[in-house]
Amino acid sequence: MPDELPWAKRHHLTVVDTPIGPAFAHPCPLLRGTQCGDYADRPRGCRKFHCKLLVRLRENRVSWDTAFIIVSQLRERVASIEAQIPLTGRATLWMLAAHLADTATPESVKTAIRGQFGSLTPEISGLRLEIDDWLMSAEEYRHRPRDDDA
């Protein structure tokens, strides 16, 4: 990944530390609808990433139709939440949601985040966990601390 930092800087990607190593913060500014804006030159991490839903699809544990429905429903829920957040706050919305789900986040920080989200807190937290259940890589999911693990 160190050799890909110039690429990340050129594309204004933020690099964050995760339990399994450095990663790009989300949402990715290169995402154009459902496609990468620099697909041909995307980094190794993006090339190697296989979410749990894709793995299940390849193993025939879920059908194409079911996978499409799952992704469509998740996108609808994200759009519904984002429609209720001022445009300027959407960039940090999911980063804050990740902090809310992380056991390493101090309770005082979680309380402040809940205050920012207000009545959307349960919906955002629930959606974040569902996205993790379907779309996170299996390796990331195994290493991510969660409140229910404490």
C-alpha atoms as a PDB file:
ATOM      1  CA  MET A   1       0.000   0.000   0.000  1.00  0.00           C
ATOM      2  CA  PRO A   2       2.801   2.547   0.620  1.00  0.00           C
ATOM      3  CA  ASP A   3       3.543   2.571  -3.110  1.00  0.00           C
ATOM      4  CA  GLU A   4      -0.120   3.486  -3.721  1.00  0.00           C
ATOM      5  CA  LEU A   5      -0.105   6.558  -1.470  1.00  0.00           C
ATOM      6  CA  PRO A   6       0.736   8.944  -4.355  1.00  0.00           C
ATOM      7  CA  TRP A   7      -2.290   7.554  -6.240  1.00  0.00           C
ATOM      8  CA  ALA A   8      -4.454   8.047  -3.137  1.00  0.00           C
ATOM      9  CA  LYS A   9      -3.194  11.592  -2.655  1.00  0.00           C
ATOM     10  CA  ARG A  10      -3.796  12.446  -6.313  1.00  0.00           C
ATOM     11  CA  HIS A  11      -7.402  11.274  -5.923  1.00  0.00           C
ATOM     12  CA  HIS A  12      -7.897  12.981  -2.534  1.00  0.00           C
ATOM     13  CA  LEU A  13      -8.447   9.702  -0.676  1.00  0.00           C
ATOM     14  CA  THR A  14      -8.068   9.651   3.080  1.00  0.00           C
ATOM     15  CA  VAL A  15      -6.053   6.751   4.470  1.00  0.00           C
ATOM     16  CA  VAL A  16      -7.184   5.415   7.863  1.00  0.00           C
ATOM     17  CA  ASP A  17      -5.809   2.748  10.184  1.00  0.00           C
ATOM     18  CA  THR A  18      -8.012  -0.307  10.705  1.00  0.00           C
ATOM     19  CA  PRO A  19      -7.572  -3.461  12.811  1.00  0.00           C
ATOM     20  CA  ILE A  20      -6.222  -5.227   9.695  1.00  0.00           C
ATOM     21  CA  GLY A  21      -4.052  -2.382   8.385  1.00  0.00           C
ATOM     22  CA  PRO A  22      -4.373   0.843   6.389  1.00  0.00           C
ATOM     23  CA  ALA A  23      -7.476   1.377   4.280  1.00  0.00           C
ATOM     24  CA  PHE A  24      -9.229   4.154   2.412  1.00  0.00           C
ATOM     25  CA  ALA A  25     -11.949   6.044   4.261  1.00  0.00           C
ATOM     26  CA  HIS A  26     -15.465   5.793   2.932  1.00  0.00           C
ATOM     27  CA  PRO A  27     -17.382   6.928   1.113  1.00  0.00           C
ATOM     28  CA  CYS A  28     -14.825   6.827  -1.664  1.00  0.00           C
ATOM     29  CA  PRO A  29     -14.754  10.098  -3.620  1.00  0.00           C
ATOM     30  CA  LEU A  30     -14.091   8.086  -6.793  1.00  0.00           C
ATOM     31  CA  LEU A  31     -17.396   6.239  -6.633  1.00  0.00           C
ATOM     32  CA  ARG A  32     -19.531   7.317  -9.594  1.00  0.00           C
ATOM     33  CA  GLY A  33     -22.923   5.711  -9.096  1.00  0.00           C
ATOM     34  CA  THR A  34     -21.939   2.062  -8.806  1.00  0.00           C
ATOM     35  CA  GLN A  35     -18.557   2.246 -10.540  1.00  0.00           C
ATOM     36  CA  CYS A  36     -15.051   3.394  -9.710  1.00  0.00           C
ATOM     37  CA  GLY A  37     -13.996   6.603 -11.423  1.00  0.00           C
ATOM     38  CA  ASP A  38     -10.493   5.160 -11.935  1.00  0.00           C
ATOM     39  CA  TYR A  39     -11.330   1.460 -12.288  1.00  0.00           C
ATOM     40  CA  ALA A  40      -8.428   0.600 -14.617  1.00  0.00           C
ATOM     41  CA  ASP A  41      -5.872   2.076 -12.187  1.00  0.00           C
ATOM     42  CA  ARG A  42      -7.570   1.201  -8.871  1.00  0.00           C
ATOM     43  CA  PRO A  43      -5.348   0.059  -5.997  1.00  0.00           C
ATOM     44  CA  ARG A  44      -4.646  -3.562  -5.064  1.00  0.00           C
ATOM     45  CA  GLY A  45      -6.922  -3.372  -2.024  1.00  0.00           C
ATOM     46  CA  CYS A  46      -9.861  -2.493  -4.252  1.00  0.00           C
ATOM     47  CA  ARG A  47      -8.918  -5.164  -6.791  1.00  0.00           C
ATOM     48  CA  LYS A  48      -8.719  -7.840  -4.069  1.00  0.00           C
ATOM     49  CA  PHE A  49     -11.826  -6.789  -2.112  1.00  0.00           C
ATOM     50  CA  HIS A  50     -14.641  -9.338  -2.090  1.00  0.00           C
ATOM     51  CA  CYS A  51     -17.544  -8.498   0.184  1.00  0.00           C
ATOM     52  CA  LYS A  52     -19.372 -11.279   1.980  1.00  0.00           C
ATOM     53  CA  LEU A  53     -22.340 -10.947  -0.384  1.00  0.00           C
ATOM     54  CA  LEU A  54     -20.091 -11.497  -3.433  1.00  0.00           C
ATOM     55  CA  VAL A  55     -18.493 -14.507  -1.753  1.00  0.00           C
ATOM     56  CA  ARG A  56     -21.942 -15.951  -1.035  1.00  0.00           C
ATOM     57  CA  LEU A  57     -22.973 -15.282  -4.627  1.00  0.00           C
ATOM     58  CA  ARG A  58     -19.885 -17.043  -6.028  1.00  0.00           C
ATOM     59  CA  GLU A  59     -20.482 -19.991  -3.695  1.00  0.00           C
ATOM     60  CA  ASN A  60     -24.109 -20.202  -4.894  1.00  0.00           C
ATOM     61  CA  ARG A  61     -25.370 -19.541  -1.355  1.00  0.00           C
ATOM     62  CA  VAL A  62     -27.372 -16.579  -2.635  1.00  0.00           C
ATOM     63  CA  SER A  63     -28.895 -15.961  -6.067  1.00  0.00           C
ATOM     64  CA  TRP A  64     -28.242 -12.985  -8.352  1.00  0.00           C
ATOM     65  CA  ASP A  65     -31.840 -11.868  -7.811  1.00  0.00           C
ATOM     66  CA  THR A  66     -31.477 -12.007  -4.034  1.00  0.00           C
ATOM     67  CA  ALA A  67     -28.127 -10.181  -4.118  1.00  0.00           C
ATOM     68  CA  PHE A  68     -29.633  -7.469  -6.326  1.00  0.00           C
ATOM     69  CA  ILE A  69     -32.582  -7.053  -3.950  1.00  0.00           C
ATOM     70  CA  ILE A  70     -30.277  -6.839  -0.912  1.00  0.00           C
ATOM     71  CA  VAL A  71     -28.069  -4.189  -2.502  1.00  0.00           C
ATOM     72  CA  SER A  72     -31.087  -2.239  -3.788  1.00  0.00           C
ATOM     73  CA  GLN A  73     -32.718  -2.224  -0.361  1.00  0.00           C
ATOM     74  CA  LEU A  74     -29.512  -1.120   1.346  1.00  0.00           C
ATOM     75  CA  ARG A  75     -29.058   1.681  -1.208  1.00  0.00           C
ATOM     76  CA  GLU A  76     -32.633   2.843  -0.612  1.00  0.00           C
ATOM     77  CA  ARG A  77     -32.061   2.951   3.137  1.00  0.00           C
ATOM     78  CA  VAL A  78     -28.809   4.887   2.694  1.00  0.00           C
ATOM     79  CA  ALA A  79     -30.532   7.378   0.373  1.00  0.00           C
ATOM     80  CA  SER A  80     -33.396   7.792   2.838  1.00  0.00           C
ATOM     81  CA  ILE A  81     -31.003   8.587   5.689  1.00  0.00           C
ATOM     82  CA  GLU A  82     -28.808  10.866   3.576  1.00  0.00           C
ATOM     83  CA  ALA A  83     -31.866  12.800   2.414  1.00  0.00           C
ATOM     84  CA  GLN A  84     -32.422  13.781   6.049  1.00  0.00           C
ATOM     85  CA  ILE A  85     -28.830  14.974   6.571  1.00  0.00           C
ATOM     86  CA  PRO A  86     -27.618  18.363   5.299  1.00  0.00           C
ATOM     87  CA  LEU A  87     -25.497  17.942   2.187  1.00  0.00           C
ATOM     88  CA  THR A  88     -22.412  19.248   3.997  1.00  0.00           C
ATOM     89  CA  GLY A  89     -22.757  16.563   6.681  1.00  0.00           C
ATOM     90  CA  ARG A  90     -23.070  13.542   4.419  1.00  0.00           C
ATOM     91  CA  ALA A  91     -19.328  13.186   3.926  1.00  0.00           C
ATOM     92  CA  THR A  92     -18.811  12.410   7.616  1.00  0.00           C
ATOM     93  CA  LEU A  93     -22.084  10.578   8.261  1.00  0.00           C
ATOM     94  CA  TRP A  94     -20.805   7.025   7.788  1.00  0.00           C
ATOM     95  CA  MET A  95     -17.468   7.693   9.447  1.00  0.00           C
ATOM     96  CA  LEU A  96     -19.382   8.797  12.546  1.00  0.00           C
ATOM     97  CA  ALA A  97     -21.613   5.723  12.249  1.00  0.00           C
ATOM     98  CA  ALA A  98     -18.476   3.549  12.258  1.00  0.00           C
ATOM     99  CA  HIS A  99     -17.291   5.251  15.449  1.00  0.00           C
ATOM    100  CA  LEU A 100     -20.694   4.623  16.998  1.00  0.00           C
ATOM    101  CA  ALA A 101     -20.350   0.878  16.278  1.00  0.00           C
ATOM    102  CA  ASP A 102     -16.729   0.621  17.459  1.00  0.00           C
ATOM    103  CA  THR A 103     -16.099  -0.544  21.041  1.00  0.00           C
ATOM    104  CA  ALA A 104     -12.872   1.485  21.100  1.00  0.00           C
ATOM    105  CA  THR A 105     -14.811   4.750  20.756  1.00  0.00           C
ATOM    106  CA  PRO A 106     -15.169   6.454  24.157  1.00  0.00           C
ATOM    107  CA  GLU A 107     -18.736   6.650  25.441  1.00  0.00           C
ATOM    108  CA  SER A 108     -18.502  10.459  25.606  1.00  0.00           C
ATOM    109  CA  VAL A 109     -17.800  10.526  21.855  1.00  0.00           C
ATOM    110  CA  LYS A 110     -20.661   8.110  21.179  1.00  0.00           C
ATOM    111  CA  THR A 111     -23.005  10.333  23.188  1.00  0.00           C
ATOM    112  CA  ALA A 112     -21.969  13.350  21.087  1.00  0.00           C
ATOM    113  CA  ILE A 113     -22.517  11.373  17.871  1.00  0.00           C
ATOM    114  CA  ARG A 114     -25.958  10.235  19.041  1.00  0.00           C
ATOM    115  CA  GLY A 115     -26.733  13.891  19.712  1.00  0.00           C
ATOM    116  CA  GLN A 116     -25.770  14.800  16.143  1.00  0.00           C
ATOM    117  CA  PHE A 117     -27.851  11.996  14.667  1.00  0.00           C
ATOM    118  CA  GLY A 118     -30.838  12.621  16.927  1.00  0.00           C
ATOM    119  CA  SER A 119     -33.842  10.485  16.063  1.00  0.00           C
ATOM    120  CA  LEU A 120     -31.913   8.901  13.160  1.00  0.00           C
ATOM    121  CA  THR A 121     -29.511   7.144  15.564  1.00  0.00           C
ATOM    122  CA  PRO A 122     -31.306   3.756  15.670  1.00  0.00           C
ATOM    123  CA  GLU A 123     -31.812   3.727  11.895  1.00  0.00           C
ATOM    124  CA  ILE A 124     -28.186   4.654  11.178  1.00  0.00           C
ATOM    125  CA  SER A 125     -26.805   2.147  13.694  1.00  0.00           C
ATOM    126  CA  GLY A 126     -29.029  -0.639  12.384  1.00  0.00           C
ATOM    127  CA  LEU A 127     -28.163   0.086   8.768  1.00  0.00           C
ATOM    128  CA  ARG A 128     -24.456   0.217   9.578  1.00  0.00           C
ATOM    129  CA  LEU A 129     -24.624  -3.239  11.177  1.00  0.00           C
ATOM    130  CA  GLU A 130     -26.616  -4.659   8.258  1.00  0.00           C
ATOM    131  CA  ILE A 131     -24.150  -3.222   5.742  1.00  0.00           C
ATOM    132  CA  ASP A 132     -21.332  -4.791   7.754  1.00  0.00           C
ATOM    133  CA  ASP A 133     -23.167  -8.133   7.747  1.00  0.00           C
ATOM    134  CA  TRP A 134     -23.546  -8.156   3.946  1.00  0.00           C
ATOM    135  CA  LEU A 135     -20.838  -5.996   2.444  1.00  0.00           C
ATOM    136  CA  MET A 136     -17.772  -5.946   4.666  1.00  0.00           C
ATOM    137  CA  SER A 137     -15.062  -8.427   3.758  1.00  0.00           C
ATOM    138  CA  ALA A 138     -15.005 -11.508   5.950  1.00  0.00           C
ATOM    139  CA  GLU A 139     -11.517 -10.600   7.225  1.00  0.00           C
ATOM    140  CA  GLU A 140     -12.551  -7.051   8.160  1.00  0.00           C
ATOM    141  CA  TYR A 141     -15.682  -8.331   9.854  1.00  0.00           C
ATOM    142  CA  ARG A 142     -13.746 -10.837  11.985  1.00  0.00           C
ATOM    143  CA  HIS A 143     -11.382  -8.102  13.216  1.00  0.00           C
ATOM    144  CA  ARG A 144     -13.844  -5.233  13.746  1.00  0.00           C
ATOM    145  CA  PRO A 145     -14.669  -4.664  17.401  1.00  0.00           C
ATOM    146  CA  ARG A 146     -18.394  -4.279  18.019  1.00  0.00           C
ATOM    147  CA  ASP A 147     -20.397  -3.227  21.049  1.00  0.00           C
ATOM    148  CA  ASP A 148     -22.054  -6.630  21.237  1.00  0.00           C
ATOM    149  CA  ASP A 149     -18.597  -8.266  21.579  1.00  0.00           C
ATOM    150  CA  ALA A 150     -17.838  -6.479  24.849  1.00  0.00           C
END
